[in-house]
Amino acid sequence: MLIEAVVVVAADASAQLTWLGKYDVPPDEIALSFDDAFRLAERLVEDGQFRRGVLPSLRMIDEVFSEMTQDTDVGRWTREALSTDPGWGRARQLAREVLTAEGEETSPLPGFRIIR
């Protein structure tokens, strides 16, 4: 679940837009999915499923999204912002570092289950 969330964060803005459209979800779902999965990071490291060295990058992604959430500019959570906002760019860069360290691919983007 965590790798899948990181793959979506790491994707190019155009791939993220396609993914969002396919599942008809807003951009903040990328951050929310990461947040849900990130809560398991420490445990996954303890269980040997992730390298300890990726924890700082995972924490920094979480911090980027937290800062974006605290910002009153709702424009940061638009589809357009995926390609223009520095926060999205920073999260994307960090996510790619995590995937590289873990030897994981950046695509294809995973499926997504929506419970409504």
N, C-alpha and C. Protein backbone atom coordinates (compact mmCIF):
# COMPACT_ATOMS: atom_id res chain seq x y z
N MET A 1 0.82 -1.19 0.00
CA MET A 1 0.00 0.00 0.00
C MET A 1 0.87 1.26 0.00
N LEU A 2 1.95 1.24 0.77
CA LEU A 2 2.82 2.41 0.83
C LEU A 2 3.54 2.62 -0.49
N ILE A 3 4.06 1.56 -1.07
CA ILE A 3 4.74 1.69 -2.37
C ILE A 3 3.76 2.22 -3.40
N GLU A 4 2.54 1.71 -3.41
CA GLU A 4 1.55 2.18 -4.38
C GLU A 4 1.28 3.67 -4.21
N ALA A 5 1.16 4.12 -2.97
CA ALA A 5 0.92 5.55 -2.71
C ALA A 5 2.12 6.38 -3.16
N VAL A 6 3.32 5.88 -2.93
CA VAL A 6 4.53 6.60 -3.33
C VAL A 6 4.64 6.64 -4.86
N VAL A 7 4.24 5.58 -5.53
CA VAL A 7 4.27 5.55 -6.99
C VAL A 7 3.37 6.66 -7.55
N VAL A 8 2.21 6.85 -6.95
CA VAL A 8 1.30 7.90 -7.43
C VAL A 8 1.89 9.28 -7.17
N VAL A 9 2.48 9.48 -6.00
CA VAL A 9 3.11 10.77 -5.70
C VAL A 9 4.26 11.03 -6.66
N ALA A 10 5.02 10.02 -7.01
CA ALA A 10 6.20 10.16 -7.87
C ALA A 10 5.87 10.40 -9.33
N ALA A 11 4.67 10.08 -9.74
CA ALA A 11 4.29 10.16 -11.16
C ALA A 11 4.35 11.60 -11.68
N ASP A 12 4.62 11.71 -12.97
CA ASP A 12 4.54 13.02 -13.63
C ASP A 12 3.13 13.57 -13.47
N ALA A 13 3.03 14.90 -13.52
CA ALA A 13 1.72 15.53 -13.37
C ALA A 13 0.71 15.02 -14.39
N SER A 14 1.15 14.78 -15.62
CA SER A 14 0.22 14.29 -16.64
C SER A 14 -0.31 12.90 -16.29
N ALA A 15 0.54 12.05 -15.76
CA ALA A 15 0.10 10.71 -15.34
C ALA A 15 -0.83 10.81 -14.13
N GLN A 16 -0.53 11.74 -13.22
CA GLN A 16 -1.41 11.94 -12.07
C GLN A 16 -2.79 12.42 -12.52
N LEU A 17 -2.81 13.32 -13.48
CA LEU A 17 -4.09 13.82 -13.99
C LEU A 17 -4.91 12.70 -14.62
N THR A 18 -4.26 11.85 -15.37
CA THR A 18 -4.95 10.71 -15.98
C THR A 18 -5.49 9.79 -14.89
N TRP A 19 -4.68 9.53 -13.87
CA TRP A 19 -5.08 8.67 -12.75
C TRP A 19 -6.27 9.27 -12.01
N LEU A 20 -6.22 10.57 -11.74
CA LEU A 20 -7.33 11.24 -11.06
C LEU A 20 -8.61 11.16 -11.88
N GLY A 21 -8.48 11.37 -13.19
CA GLY A 21 -9.65 11.30 -14.06
C GLY A 21 -10.25 9.91 -14.13
N LYS A 22 -9.38 8.92 -14.16
CA LYS A 22 -9.85 7.53 -14.24
C LYS A 22 -10.71 7.16 -13.04
N TYR A 23 -10.33 7.66 -11.87
CA TYR A 23 -11.05 7.31 -10.65
C TYR A 23 -11.98 8.42 -10.18
N ASP A 24 -12.02 9.52 -10.94
CA ASP A 24 -12.89 10.65 -10.63
C ASP A 24 -12.71 11.12 -9.18
N VAL A 25 -11.45 11.39 -8.83
CA VAL A 25 -11.13 11.89 -7.50
C VAL A 25 -10.33 13.19 -7.63
N PRO A 26 -10.38 14.04 -6.61
CA PRO A 26 -9.65 15.30 -6.64
C PRO A 26 -8.17 15.09 -6.31
N PRO A 27 -7.31 16.07 -6.62
CA PRO A 27 -5.88 15.94 -6.36
C PRO A 27 -5.50 15.65 -4.91
N ASP A 28 -6.29 16.14 -3.98
CA ASP A 28 -5.93 15.89 -2.59
C ASP A 28 -5.97 14.40 -2.24
N GLU A 29 -6.61 13.60 -3.07
CA GLU A 29 -6.65 12.15 -2.82
C GLU A 29 -5.25 11.55 -2.91
N ILE A 30 -4.38 12.15 -3.70
CA ILE A 30 -2.99 11.66 -3.78
C ILE A 30 -2.33 11.80 -2.42
N ALA A 31 -2.50 12.96 -1.79
CA ALA A 31 -1.91 13.20 -0.47
C ALA A 31 -2.61 12.36 0.60
N LEU A 32 -3.92 12.23 0.51
CA LEU A 32 -4.66 11.44 1.51
C LEU A 32 -4.27 9.97 1.46
N SER A 33 -4.10 9.45 0.26
CA SER A 33 -3.69 8.05 0.12
C SER A 33 -2.29 7.84 0.69
N PHE A 34 -1.41 8.81 0.42
CA PHE A 34 -0.07 8.73 0.98
C PHE A 34 -0.15 8.78 2.50
N ASP A 35 -0.93 9.68 3.04
CA ASP A 35 -1.06 9.83 4.49
C ASP A 35 -1.53 8.54 5.14
N ASP A 36 -2.53 7.92 4.55
CA ASP A 36 -3.03 6.64 5.10
C ASP A 36 -1.93 5.59 5.14
N ALA A 37 -1.20 5.48 4.06
CA ALA A 37 -0.16 4.45 3.96
C ALA A 37 1.07 4.81 4.80
N PHE A 38 1.39 6.10 4.88
CA PHE A 38 2.57 6.54 5.62
C PHE A 38 2.49 6.14 7.09
N ARG A 39 1.32 6.05 7.62
CA ARG A 39 1.15 5.66 9.03
C ARG A 39 1.74 4.28 9.32
N LEU A 40 1.94 3.48 8.28
CA LEU A 40 2.49 2.14 8.42
C LEU A 40 4.00 2.10 8.24
N ALA A 41 4.62 3.21 7.89
CA ALA A 41 6.03 3.22 7.49
C ALA A 41 6.97 2.65 8.56
N GLU A 42 6.85 3.11 9.77
CA GLU A 42 7.73 2.63 10.84
C GLU A 42 7.62 1.11 11.00
N ARG A 43 6.42 0.63 10.99
CA ARG A 43 6.18 -0.81 11.14
C ARG A 43 6.78 -1.59 9.97
N LEU A 44 6.63 -1.07 8.77
CA LEU A 44 7.17 -1.74 7.59
C LEU A 44 8.70 -1.80 7.64
N VAL A 45 9.31 -0.76 8.18
CA VAL A 45 10.77 -0.76 8.34
C VAL A 45 11.15 -1.80 9.39
N GLU A 46 10.44 -1.83 10.50
CA GLU A 46 10.72 -2.81 11.56
C GLU A 46 10.58 -4.23 11.05
N ASP A 47 9.63 -4.45 10.16
CA ASP A 47 9.38 -5.78 9.60
C ASP A 47 10.32 -6.11 8.43
N GLY A 48 11.21 -5.18 8.09
CA GLY A 48 12.17 -5.41 7.03
C GLY A 48 11.60 -5.28 5.62
N GLN A 49 10.43 -4.67 5.50
CA GLN A 49 9.82 -4.52 4.18
C GLN A 49 10.27 -3.24 3.48
N PHE A 50 10.84 -2.32 4.23
CA PHE A 50 11.39 -1.08 3.70
C PHE A 50 12.74 -0.84 4.35
N ARG A 51 13.62 -0.16 3.62
CA ARG A 51 14.92 0.21 4.16
C ARG A 51 14.74 1.38 5.13
N ARG A 52 15.46 1.34 6.23
CA ARG A 52 15.39 2.42 7.20
C ARG A 52 15.78 3.75 6.56
N GLY A 53 16.68 3.70 5.59
CA GLY A 53 17.15 4.91 4.95
C GLY A 53 16.10 5.71 4.20
N VAL A 54 14.96 5.10 3.90
CA VAL A 54 13.92 5.85 3.18
C VAL A 54 12.99 6.61 4.12
N LEU A 55 13.06 6.33 5.41
CA LEU A 55 12.16 7.01 6.35
C LEU A 55 12.29 8.53 6.31
N PRO A 56 13.51 9.10 6.26
CA PRO A 56 13.57 10.56 6.20
C PRO A 56 12.86 11.15 4.97
N SER A 57 13.00 10.51 3.83
CA SER A 57 12.31 11.01 2.63
C SER A 57 10.80 10.86 2.76
N LEU A 58 10.35 9.75 3.32
CA LEU A 58 8.92 9.56 3.54
C LEU A 58 8.38 10.62 4.50
N ARG A 59 9.13 10.90 5.54
CA ARG A 59 8.71 11.93 6.50
C ARG A 59 8.66 13.31 5.83
N MET A 60 9.63 13.56 4.95
CA MET A 60 9.64 14.86 4.26
C MET A 60 8.45 14.99 3.31
N ILE A 61 8.05 13.91 2.66
CA ILE A 61 6.84 13.96 1.83
C ILE A 61 5.65 14.31 2.71
N ASP A 62 5.56 13.66 3.84
CA ASP A 62 4.48 13.93 4.78
C ASP A 62 4.49 15.40 5.22
N GLU A 63 5.68 15.93 5.48
CA GLU A 63 5.80 17.34 5.87
C GLU A 63 5.37 18.28 4.75
N VAL A 64 5.76 17.96 3.52
CA VAL A 64 5.36 18.79 2.37
C VAL A 64 3.84 18.85 2.29
N PHE A 65 3.19 17.69 2.37
CA PHE A 65 1.74 17.67 2.28
C PHE A 65 1.09 18.36 3.49
N SER A 66 1.69 18.23 4.66
CA SER A 66 1.16 18.92 5.85
C SER A 66 1.25 20.43 5.67
N GLU A 67 2.38 20.91 5.17
CA GLU A 67 2.54 22.34 4.93
C GLU A 67 1.52 22.83 3.90
N MET A 68 1.32 22.04 2.87
CA MET A 68 0.36 22.43 1.84
C MET A 68 -1.05 22.49 2.42
N THR A 69 -1.36 21.59 3.34
CA THR A 69 -2.68 21.56 3.96
C THR A 69 -2.88 22.77 4.86
N GLN A 70 -1.83 23.18 5.53
CA GLN A 70 -1.93 24.33 6.44
C GLN A 70 -2.01 25.66 5.70
N ASP A 71 -1.55 25.68 4.48
CA ASP A 71 -1.60 26.88 3.65
C ASP A 71 -3.05 27.17 3.29
N THR A 72 -3.44 28.42 3.37
CA THR A 72 -4.83 28.78 3.07
C THR A 72 -5.12 28.89 1.57
N ASP A 73 -4.09 28.74 0.74
CA ASP A 73 -4.26 28.81 -0.71
C ASP A 73 -4.82 27.49 -1.23
N VAL A 74 -6.11 27.44 -1.46
CA VAL A 74 -6.74 26.21 -1.95
C VAL A 74 -6.31 25.89 -3.37
N GLY A 75 -5.70 26.86 -4.06
CA GLY A 75 -5.21 26.63 -5.40
C GLY A 75 -4.12 25.57 -5.47
N ARG A 76 -3.52 25.27 -4.34
CA ARG A 76 -2.48 24.24 -4.30
C ARG A 76 -3.05 22.85 -4.51
N TRP A 77 -4.36 22.71 -4.40
CA TRP A 77 -5.01 21.40 -4.49
C TRP A 77 -5.83 21.26 -5.76
N THR A 78 -5.49 22.04 -6.77
CA THR A 78 -6.18 21.94 -8.06
C THR A 78 -5.39 21.04 -9.00
N ARG A 79 -6.04 20.62 -10.05
CA ARG A 79 -5.37 19.80 -11.06
C ARG A 79 -4.22 20.58 -11.72
N GLU A 80 -4.42 21.87 -11.92
CA GLU A 80 -3.38 22.69 -12.53
C GLU A 80 -2.14 22.76 -11.64
N ALA A 81 -2.35 22.79 -10.34
CA ALA A 81 -1.23 22.91 -9.39
C ALA A 81 -0.30 21.71 -9.43
N LEU A 82 -0.79 20.57 -9.88
CA LEU A 82 0.07 19.39 -9.95
C LEU A 82 1.33 19.65 -10.77
N SER A 83 1.22 20.48 -11.78
CA SER A 83 2.38 20.75 -12.62
C SER A 83 3.06 22.08 -12.32
N THR A 84 2.46 22.92 -11.48
CA THR A 84 3.04 24.23 -11.24
C THR A 84 3.45 24.50 -9.80
N ASP A 85 2.84 23.85 -8.86
CA ASP A 85 3.10 24.14 -7.44
C ASP A 85 4.41 23.51 -6.98
N PRO A 86 5.27 24.28 -6.31
CA PRO A 86 6.55 23.74 -5.86
C PRO A 86 6.39 22.60 -4.84
N GLY A 87 5.34 22.62 -4.07
CA GLY A 87 5.11 21.54 -3.11
C GLY A 87 4.91 20.20 -3.79
N TRP A 88 4.10 20.21 -4.84
CA TRP A 88 3.89 18.97 -5.60
C TRP A 88 5.20 18.51 -6.23
N GLY A 89 5.97 19.46 -6.72
CA GLY A 89 7.26 19.11 -7.32
C GLY A 89 8.21 18.51 -6.31
N ARG A 90 8.25 19.07 -5.12
CA ARG A 90 9.13 18.56 -4.06
C ARG A 90 8.68 17.17 -3.62
N ALA A 91 7.38 16.98 -3.42
CA ALA A 91 6.87 15.66 -3.03
C ALA A 91 7.19 14.62 -4.10
N ARG A 92 7.05 15.01 -5.35
CA ARG A 92 7.33 14.12 -6.48
C ARG A 92 8.81 13.69 -6.47
N GLN A 93 9.70 14.67 -6.27
CA GLN A 93 11.13 14.38 -6.24
C GLN A 93 11.49 13.42 -5.10
N LEU A 94 10.96 13.68 -3.93
CA LEU A 94 11.23 12.82 -2.77
C LEU A 94 10.68 11.42 -2.99
N ALA A 95 9.49 11.33 -3.57
CA ALA A 95 8.89 10.02 -3.83
C ALA A 95 9.73 9.22 -4.82
N ARG A 96 10.27 9.89 -5.80
CA ARG A 96 11.14 9.21 -6.76
C ARG A 96 12.41 8.70 -6.08
N GLU A 97 12.94 9.47 -5.14
CA GLU A 97 14.11 9.03 -4.38
C GLU A 97 13.81 7.76 -3.59
N VAL A 98 12.63 7.71 -2.99
CA VAL A 98 12.22 6.53 -2.22
C VAL A 98 12.13 5.32 -3.14
N LEU A 99 11.50 5.49 -4.28
CA LEU A 99 11.34 4.37 -5.22
C LEU A 99 12.70 3.88 -5.71
N THR A 100 13.60 4.79 -5.99
CA THR A 100 14.94 4.41 -6.43
C THR A 100 15.65 3.63 -5.34
N ALA A 101 15.58 4.11 -4.11
CA ALA A 101 16.24 3.44 -2.99
C ALA A 101 15.67 2.05 -2.75
N GLU A 102 14.39 1.90 -3.01
CA GLU A 102 13.72 0.61 -2.79
C GLU A 102 13.80 -0.30 -4.02
N GLY A 103 14.35 0.21 -5.11
CA GLY A 103 14.44 -0.59 -6.33
C GLY A 103 13.09 -0.82 -6.98
N GLU A 104 12.18 0.13 -6.80
CA GLU A 104 10.82 0.01 -7.34
C GLU A 104 10.68 0.85 -8.61
N GLU A 105 9.73 0.48 -9.43
CA GLU A 105 9.43 1.20 -10.66
C GLU A 105 8.49 2.37 -10.38
N THR A 106 8.53 3.36 -11.24
CA THR A 106 7.65 4.51 -11.08
C THR A 106 6.32 4.34 -11.82
N SER A 107 6.18 3.26 -12.55
CA SER A 107 4.92 3.02 -13.24
C SER A 107 4.75 1.51 -13.38
N PRO A 108 3.61 1.03 -13.66
CA PRO A 108 2.38 1.76 -13.89
C PRO A 108 1.77 2.23 -12.58
N LEU A 109 0.89 3.20 -12.67
CA LEU A 109 0.21 3.65 -11.48
C LEU A 109 -0.76 2.57 -11.02
N PRO A 110 -0.88 2.40 -9.71
CA PRO A 110 -1.73 1.33 -9.19
C PRO A 110 -3.21 1.65 -9.32
N GLY A 111 -4.01 0.62 -9.15
CA GLY A 111 -5.45 0.81 -9.11
C GLY A 111 -5.84 1.50 -7.82
N PHE A 112 -7.09 1.85 -7.74
CA PHE A 112 -7.57 2.60 -6.58
C PHE A 112 -8.99 2.16 -6.28
N ARG A 113 -9.27 1.86 -5.04
CA ARG A 113 -10.62 1.45 -4.64
C ARG A 113 -11.32 2.62 -3.98
N ILE A 114 -12.50 2.89 -4.46
CA ILE A 114 -13.29 3.97 -3.92
C ILE A 114 -14.48 3.37 -3.19
N ILE A 115 -14.63 3.77 -1.95
CA ILE A 115 -15.77 3.34 -1.16
C ILE A 115 -16.66 4.54 -0.98
N ARG A 116 -17.83 4.46 -1.54
CA ARG A 116 -18.76 5.61 -1.44
C ARG A 116 -20.04 5.20 -0.78
